Protein backbone atom coordinates (compact mmCIF):
# COMPACT_ATOMS: atom_id res chain seq x y z
CA MET A 1 -0.04 0.06 -0.01
CA ARG A 2 2.91 2.40 0.67
CA ARG A 3 4.02 1.96 -2.88
CA LEU A 4 0.64 3.19 -4.14
CA THR A 5 0.40 6.24 -1.84
CA PRO A 6 2.28 8.55 -4.06
CA TYR A 7 0.36 7.54 -7.07
CA LEU A 8 -2.84 7.78 -5.17
CA LEU A 9 -2.00 11.28 -3.93
CA ALA A 10 -1.18 12.27 -7.63
CA LEU A 11 -4.43 10.78 -9.04
CA PRO A 12 -6.67 13.62 -8.59
CA SER A 13 -4.23 15.95 -10.18
CA TRP A 14 -3.84 13.42 -13.25
CA MET A 15 -7.52 12.98 -13.41
CA TRP A 16 -7.91 16.95 -13.49
CA LEU A 17 -5.38 17.10 -16.39
CA ALA A 18 -6.95 14.26 -18.23
CA ILE A 19 -10.61 15.79 -18.13
CA PHE A 20 -9.62 19.32 -18.77
CA LEU A 21 -6.68 19.32 -20.90
CA VAL A 22 -6.25 16.01 -22.63
CA VAL A 23 -9.95 15.41 -23.42
CA PRO A 24 -10.30 18.75 -24.94
CA MET A 25 -7.24 18.70 -26.94
CA VAL A 26 -8.16 15.24 -28.45
CA ALA A 27 -11.67 16.55 -29.24
CA MET A 28 -10.19 19.70 -30.96
CA ALA A 29 -7.80 17.42 -32.86
CA SER A 30 -10.75 15.49 -34.13
CA VAL A 31 -12.76 18.57 -35.01
CA SER A 32 -9.82 20.01 -37.01
CA LEU A 33 -9.97 17.12 -39.32
CA GLN A 34 -13.65 17.38 -40.02
CA THR A 35 -15.53 18.96 -42.89
CA GLY A 36 -19.14 20.34 -43.08
CA ASN A 37 -20.99 23.23 -41.55
CA ALA A 38 -22.93 24.26 -38.50
CA ILE A 39 -26.37 23.69 -40.18
CA ASP A 40 -25.74 20.15 -41.71
CA GLY A 41 -23.26 19.04 -39.04
CA PHE A 42 -19.58 18.07 -39.21
CA ALA A 43 -18.44 14.71 -40.33
CA MET A 44 -14.90 13.06 -39.69
CA THR A 45 -13.08 12.99 -43.16
CA PHE A 46 -9.50 13.21 -41.98
CA SER A 47 -9.35 16.46 -43.99
CA PHE A 48 -5.71 17.53 -43.31
CA SER A 49 -6.19 20.23 -45.99
CA ASN A 50 -7.92 22.17 -43.29
CA TYR A 51 -4.52 23.04 -41.99
CA GLY A 52 -3.14 24.13 -45.24
CA ASP A 53 -6.22 26.19 -46.07
CA ALA A 54 -6.09 27.82 -42.63
CA ILE A 55 -2.49 28.74 -42.64
CA GLY A 56 -2.72 29.87 -46.39
CA ARG A 57 -5.71 32.29 -45.60
CA TYR A 58 -4.47 33.57 -42.15
CA SER A 59 -0.57 33.50 -42.31
CA PRO A 60 -0.38 37.33 -42.14
CA GLN A 61 -2.19 37.35 -38.79
CA LEU A 62 -0.13 34.34 -37.64
CA VAL A 63 3.07 36.20 -38.27
CA ARG A 64 1.88 39.35 -36.89
CA SER A 65 0.87 37.56 -33.66
CA LEU A 66 4.46 36.03 -33.34
CA VAL A 67 5.97 39.54 -34.15
CA TYR A 68 3.74 41.47 -31.57
CA GLY A 69 4.35 38.78 -28.94
CA GLY A 70 8.16 38.86 -29.47
CA LEU A 71 8.25 42.79 -29.43
CA ALA A 72 6.01 42.66 -26.25
CA THR A 73 8.25 40.02 -24.59
CA VAL A 74 11.47 41.92 -25.32
CA ALA A 75 9.91 45.16 -23.94
CA MET A 76 8.74 43.38 -20.86
CA LEU A 77 12.21 41.94 -20.35
CA VAL A 78 13.81 45.34 -20.80
CA ILE A 79 11.35 47.00 -18.47
CA GLY A 80 10.96 44.09 -15.94
CA TYR A 81 14.56 43.01 -15.24
CA PRO A 82 15.60 46.53 -13.74
CA VAL A 83 12.26 46.44 -11.68
CA ALA A 84 12.95 43.02 -10.43
CA TYR A 85 16.60 43.89 -9.61
CA TRP A 86 15.71 46.87 -7.75
CA ILE A 87 13.15 45.32 -5.59
CA ALA A 88 15.24 42.25 -4.85
CA PHE A 89 18.45 44.21 -4.00
CA LYS A 90 17.24 47.67 -2.99
CA GLY A 91 13.73 46.98 -1.72
CA GLY A 92 14.82 46.40 1.85
CA THR A 93 12.02 45.82 4.28
CA ARG A 94 9.40 47.20 1.89
CA LYS A 95 9.70 44.45 -0.67
CA SER A 96 6.35 43.02 0.08
CA VAL A 97 4.70 46.47 -0.42
CA TYR A 98 6.41 46.73 -3.72
CA LEU A 99 5.24 43.41 -4.76
CA PHE A 100 1.76 44.12 -3.54
CA LEU A 101 1.73 47.41 -5.66
CA LEU A 102 2.93 45.30 -8.77
CA LEU A 103 0.12 42.86 -8.32
CA LEU A 104 -2.59 45.60 -7.48
CA PRO A 105 -3.74 45.83 -11.10
CA PHE A 106 -4.79 42.22 -11.23
CA PHE A 107 -7.57 43.02 -8.78
CA VAL A 108 -9.24 44.62 -11.75
CA SER A 109 -10.45 42.60 -14.89
CA PHE A 110 -8.15 42.07 -17.62
CA VAL A 111 -10.57 43.47 -20.08
CA LEU A 112 -11.27 46.53 -17.97
CA ARG A 113 -7.65 47.39 -17.70
CA THR A 114 -7.36 47.16 -21.48
CA ILE A 115 -10.40 49.49 -21.92
CA SER A 116 -8.82 51.93 -19.62
CA TRP A 117 -5.98 52.17 -21.83
CA ASN A 118 -8.22 52.65 -24.66
CA PHE A 119 -9.75 55.45 -22.70
CA LEU A 120 -6.15 56.99 -21.92
CA LEU A 121 -4.87 56.71 -25.54
CA SER A 122 -8.02 57.92 -27.27
CA ASP A 123 -7.42 60.78 -29.80
CA ASN A 124 -9.42 63.36 -27.73
CA GLY A 125 -8.97 61.69 -24.35
CA ILE A 126 -7.48 62.97 -21.08
CA LEU A 127 -3.88 62.66 -22.37
CA PHE A 128 -3.82 63.35 -26.04
CA GLY A 129 -6.91 65.57 -26.07
CA THR A 130 -5.09 67.93 -23.53
CA LEU A 131 -1.76 68.03 -25.33
CA LYS A 132 -3.49 68.78 -28.73
CA GLY A 133 -5.40 71.68 -26.77
CA TRP A 134 -2.09 73.07 -25.81
CA GLY A 135 -0.73 72.81 -29.26
CA LEU A 136 1.88 70.23 -28.32
CA LEU A 137 0.62 67.58 -30.78
CA PRO A 138 -0.80 67.87 -34.24
CA ALA A 139 -4.65 67.49 -34.54
CA ASP A 140 -4.21 64.24 -36.50
CA PHE A 141 -1.90 62.45 -33.98
CA HIS A 142 -3.17 59.15 -32.98
CA VAL A 143 -2.00 56.00 -31.21
CA LEU A 144 -4.93 53.74 -31.12
CA ALA A 145 -5.26 51.19 -33.93
CA THR A 146 -1.45 51.13 -34.34
CA THR A 147 1.14 48.50 -33.54
CA PHE A 148 2.52 50.65 -30.72
CA ALA A 149 -0.87 50.58 -29.02
CA VAL A 150 -1.23 46.81 -29.18
CA VAL A 151 2.32 46.00 -28.13
CA GLY A 152 2.05 48.55 -25.38
CA GLY A 153 -1.18 47.00 -24.08
CA LEU A 154 0.39 43.53 -24.18
CA THR A 155 3.37 44.77 -22.31
CA TYR A 156 1.30 46.49 -19.65
CA ASN A 157 -0.95 43.40 -19.08
CA PHE A 158 1.58 40.81 -18.91
CA LEU A 159 4.43 42.62 -17.42
CA PRO A 160 4.09 41.27 -13.76
CA PHE A 161 4.46 37.70 -15.26
CA MET A 162 8.05 38.63 -16.34
CA ILE A 163 8.81 40.53 -13.16
CA LEU A 164 7.92 37.98 -10.79
CA PRO A 165 10.04 34.92 -11.76
CA ILE A 166 13.08 37.31 -12.26
CA TYR A 167 12.44 38.69 -8.70
CA VAL A 168 12.48 35.16 -7.42
CA ALA A 169 15.65 34.10 -9.08
CA LEU A 170 17.43 37.39 -8.07
CA GLU A 171 16.16 37.06 -4.46
CA ARG A 172 18.04 33.72 -4.23
CA VAL A 173 21.32 35.37 -5.18
CA ASP A 174 23.51 35.59 -2.09
CA PRO A 175 24.88 39.16 -1.88
CA ARG A 176 27.94 37.74 -0.33
CA VAL A 177 28.75 36.28 -3.89
CA VAL A 178 28.53 39.71 -5.48
CA GLU A 179 30.76 41.11 -2.76
CA ALA A 180 33.12 38.27 -3.22
CA ALA A 181 33.39 39.34 -6.91
CA GLN A 182 34.07 42.90 -6.14
CA ASP A 183 36.76 41.85 -3.62
CA LEU A 184 38.32 40.18 -6.53
CA TYR A 185 38.50 43.42 -8.24
CA ALA A 186 35.53 42.88 -10.54
CA SER A 187 33.64 45.96 -11.41
CA ARG A 188 29.85 46.32 -10.81
CA THR A 189 29.32 45.62 -14.38
CA ALA A 190 31.50 42.56 -14.46
CA ALA A 191 30.09 41.26 -11.27
CA PHE A 192 26.55 41.67 -12.73
CA ARG A 193 27.53 40.08 -16.07
CA ARG A 194 29.44 37.23 -14.45
CA VAL A 195 27.50 36.45 -11.25
CA VAL A 196 24.05 37.91 -11.13
CA LEU A 197 22.88 37.57 -14.84
CA PRO A 198 23.81 33.89 -14.95
CA LEU A 199 22.17 33.03 -11.60
CA SER A 200 18.97 34.95 -12.78
CA LEU A 201 18.63 33.03 -16.05
CA PRO A 202 16.09 30.50 -14.56
CA GLY A 203 13.83 33.54 -13.80
CA VAL A 204 14.41 35.09 -17.31
CA PHE A 205 13.64 31.80 -18.97
CA ALA A 206 10.35 31.32 -16.94
CA GLY A 207 9.51 34.88 -17.64
CA VAL A 208 9.93 34.73 -21.36
CA LEU A 209 7.74 31.48 -21.46
CA MET A 210 4.92 33.04 -19.15
CA THR A 211 4.72 36.26 -21.36
CA PHE A 212 5.41 35.14 -24.90
CA VAL A 213 2.81 32.36 -25.08
CA PRO A 214 -0.18 34.26 -23.73
CA ALA A 215 0.95 37.58 -25.55
CA THR A 216 1.14 35.84 -28.81
CA ALA A 217 -2.29 34.17 -28.55
CA ASP A 218 -4.22 37.09 -26.76
CA PRO A 219 -7.18 38.51 -28.59
CA ILE A 220 -8.28 41.25 -26.09
CA ASN A 221 -5.62 43.81 -26.74
CA ALA A 222 -5.69 43.81 -30.55
CA ALA A 223 -9.54 43.92 -30.42
CA ILE A 224 -9.72 47.00 -28.07
CA LEU A 225 -6.44 48.79 -28.79
CA GLY A 226 -5.89 47.86 -32.48
CA GLY A 227 -7.68 48.12 -35.72
CA THR A 228 -8.29 46.03 -38.80
CA ALA A 229 -4.55 46.25 -39.70
CA ASN A 230 -3.47 44.97 -36.23
CA THR A 231 -5.71 41.77 -36.09
CA MET A 232 -3.93 38.85 -34.38
CA ILE A 233 -4.50 35.14 -34.70
CA GLY A 234 -6.42 34.99 -31.48
CA ASN A 235 -9.07 37.31 -32.93
CA ILE A 236 -9.35 35.13 -35.93
CA ILE A 237 -9.70 31.93 -33.90
CA GLN A 238 -12.37 33.76 -31.73
CA THR A 239 -14.23 34.89 -34.97
CA GLU A 240 -14.14 31.44 -36.62
CA TYR A 241 -15.39 29.73 -33.56
CA LEU A 242 -18.06 32.14 -32.27
CA THR A 243 -19.19 34.02 -35.39
CA ASN A 244 -18.52 31.94 -38.38
CA LEU A 245 -19.02 28.66 -36.53
CA ASP A 246 -16.22 27.28 -38.62
CA TYR A 247 -15.04 24.88 -35.93
CA PRO A 248 -12.59 22.93 -38.16
CA THR A 249 -10.79 25.93 -39.23
CA ALA A 250 -10.80 27.45 -35.75
CA SER A 251 -9.32 24.04 -34.45
CA ALA A 252 -6.72 23.86 -37.15
CA LEU A 253 -5.43 27.35 -36.38
CA SER A 254 -5.39 26.63 -32.68
CA PHE A 255 -3.32 23.43 -33.23
CA THR A 256 -1.13 25.46 -35.78
CA LEU A 257 -0.35 28.13 -33.25
CA MET A 258 0.37 25.57 -30.57
CA ALA A 259 2.84 23.89 -32.68
CA VAL A 260 4.68 27.05 -33.91
CA LEU A 261 4.90 28.06 -30.21
CA LEU A 262 6.23 24.70 -29.06
CA VAL A 263 8.83 24.86 -31.76
CA GLY A 264 9.73 28.56 -30.67
CA ILE A 265 9.96 27.44 -27.10
CA PHE A 266 12.26 24.48 -28.05
CA VAL A 267 14.61 26.75 -30.13
CA TYR A 268 14.62 29.40 -27.43
CA ALA A 269 15.55 26.73 -24.78
CA ARG A 270 18.33 25.36 -26.80
CA ALA A 271 19.59 28.87 -27.56
CA LEU A 272 19.68 29.82 -23.97
CA GLY A 273 20.95 26.48 -22.95
CA THR A 274 18.66 24.58 -20.80
CA GLU A 275 21.32 22.62 -19.05
CA ASN A 276 22.86 26.01 -17.83
CA VAL A 277 19.52 27.17 -16.66
CA LEU A 278 19.00 24.19 -14.61
CA GLU A 279 22.37 24.22 -13.16
CA ALA A 280 21.93 27.83 -12.17
CA ALA A 281 18.56 27.15 -10.60
CA ALA A 282 20.06 24.30 -8.52
CA ARG A 283 22.66 26.49 -6.99
């Protein structure tokens, strides 16, 4: 019985994953190979051409989503790493307060936060309307329905998911190790590059994964902050499922996006060096 105890304890988790992850994935894979329509019904025809048709029709949106997700991830890393570094090494006794402030926006709905950015960035809103009234901006200046607005919204909404894992990794860095490097005549830049940065790689690795994947698939920011020229693949999947009722195409696009993201994650892990990341995490 003792041998079965670990498996029995893990059984609820495995059942949860099976029911809410594996079963829907299998069902979606089946639907992606069907043909038909919502009126007459769909039948399994093993139509692999659904994938080719979907990719050929919506490849611009797929590429745009990857670009937007990549730009937002880079922006989050550039902004988030210094913030996490400052909280970890300079936060002192107020670290909990800073982390609470960082998570405070999550007490508001994701959609409402994005709508607030739409209100802030509107052409005649509180910010740009005032600047235009003062003559500091031209009358035709606008930010909404641009790449900058969508990427900015993605960056804002997912930024805490980049900061938190980096902060956790930096929090584990022993300050005495940094002091030892400086005692050995390493400059602050050299100590950061040779000591702090390698030890924070597990946090960077986790932060990129936690931000790039949802940012690439997100339909909300493009729908609220973007225009017709900023449509992302998440918007297409949503439209195909809920408006066009073209379930095979939507399922094929979902699997295509998942496959592209998995390949991207694998390449990223190989480029960063998973073994080095794991070694740094184990220290």
